[in-house]
C-alpha cells in the first residue's frame, strides 16, 4: 500500500468478502505497480453509515468501481485506461 493510492478498498474486520477483495486488489495492483489502500469503515461513523450494507466497496481514482466482489479482469482494465 502506498500514499499514492489509485485503488481504495472500504472494508471492515471480519468480512470474508473484504478479505477476498483484498487478495484480488493486492495481486492486480502489484502486477501493474499501482498503489492501493484499505480503509476500515468502522473507524469512521460517516463511512460506516454510507457503506455498511455494500462492503467491500472499491474505488478507482476516486470513483465507485465495484462492491461485494472484485473482478480482476475488470479492475485491471480500469487501471490500464
Protein backbone atom coordinates (compact mmCIF):
# COMPACT_ATOMS: atom_id res chain seq x y z
CA UNK A 1 0.00 0.00 0.00
CA UNK A 2 1.25 3.47 -0.84
CA UNK A 3 0.32 7.09 -0.22
CA UNK A 4 -0.43 7.48 -3.94
CA UNK A 5 -3.30 5.01 -3.95
CA UNK A 6 -5.39 4.74 -7.10
CA UNK A 7 -7.48 1.97 -5.57
CA UNK A 8 -9.30 2.28 -2.25
CA UNK A 9 -10.90 -0.69 -0.54
CA UNK A 10 -13.56 0.17 2.05
CA UNK A 11 -13.85 -2.81 4.38
CA UNK A 12 -14.41 -3.89 7.95
CA UNK A 13 -12.77 -6.51 10.17
CA UNK A 14 -14.27 -10.00 9.98
CA UNK A 15 -15.70 -9.52 6.49
CA UNK A 16 -14.82 -12.54 4.33
CA UNK A 17 -15.80 -10.73 1.12
CA UNK A 18 -13.43 -7.93 2.13
CA UNK A 19 -10.63 -10.46 2.61
CA UNK A 20 -11.35 -11.91 -0.85
CA UNK A 21 -11.37 -8.43 -2.41
CA UNK A 22 -8.06 -7.58 -0.74
CA UNK A 23 -6.37 -10.60 -2.30
CA UNK A 24 -7.54 -9.62 -5.80
CA UNK A 25 -6.64 -5.95 -5.33
CA UNK A 26 -3.18 -6.77 -3.95
CA UNK A 27 -2.44 -9.08 -6.87
CA UNK A 28 -3.68 -6.77 -9.65
CA UNK A 29 -2.10 -3.65 -8.16
CA UNK A 30 1.23 -5.43 -7.68
CA UNK A 31 1.18 -6.61 -11.31
CA UNK A 32 0.55 -3.08 -12.55
CA UNK A 33 2.67 -1.19 -10.00
CA UNK A 34 -0.40 0.70 -8.76
CA UNK A 35 -0.82 1.94 -5.20
CA UNK A 36 -3.83 0.97 -3.11
CA UNK A 37 -5.09 1.42 0.41
CA UNK A 38 -7.61 -0.20 2.71
CA UNK A 39 -9.96 1.89 4.85
CA UNK A 40 -11.77 0.36 7.84
CA UNK A 41 -15.29 1.82 7.77
CA UNK A 42 -15.80 1.01 11.45
CA UNK A 43 -13.29 3.73 12.31
CA UNK A 44 -15.41 6.44 10.67
CA UNK A 45 -19.07 6.96 11.51
CA UNK A 46 -19.86 8.59 8.16
CA UNK A 47 -18.21 5.84 6.10
CA UNK A 48 -19.90 3.18 8.21
CA UNK A 49 -23.33 4.73 7.63
CA UNK A 50 -22.65 5.13 3.91
CA UNK A 51 -21.14 1.73 3.09
CA UNK A 52 -22.03 -0.86 5.77
CA UNK A 53 -24.52 -2.71 3.53
CA UNK A 54 -22.27 -2.76 0.45
CA UNK A 55 -18.80 -3.65 1.68
CA UNK A 56 -16.39 -4.31 0.33
CA UNK A 57 -16.61 -1.16 -1.78
CA UNK A 58 -13.82 -0.44 -4.24
CA UNK A 59 -12.99 2.97 -5.68
CA UNK A 60 -10.65 3.53 -8.61
CA UNK A 61 -9.27 7.03 -8.99
CA UNK A 62 -11.91 8.25 -6.53
CA UNK A 63 -14.88 6.85 -8.45
CA UNK A 64 -17.01 3.83 -7.44
CA UNK A 65 -15.81 0.71 -9.24
CA UNK A 66 -17.27 -2.38 -7.55
CA UNK A 67 -18.88 -3.65 -4.39
CA UNK A 68 -19.23 -7.10 -2.85
CA UNK A 69 -16.97 -8.84 -5.38
CA UNK A 70 -13.95 -7.68 -7.39
CA UNK A 71 -13.42 -8.97 -10.90
CA UNK A 72 -9.66 -8.96 -11.58
CA UNK A 73 -10.09 -8.50 -15.34
CA UNK A 74 -12.41 -5.54 -14.88
CA UNK A 75 -10.12 -3.97 -12.26
CA UNK A 76 -7.07 -4.44 -14.49
CA UNK A 77 -8.93 -2.80 -17.40
CA UNK A 78 -9.94 0.18 -15.25
CA UNK A 79 -6.34 0.69 -14.15
CA UNK A 80 -4.84 0.50 -17.64
CA UNK A 81 -7.14 3.01 -19.33
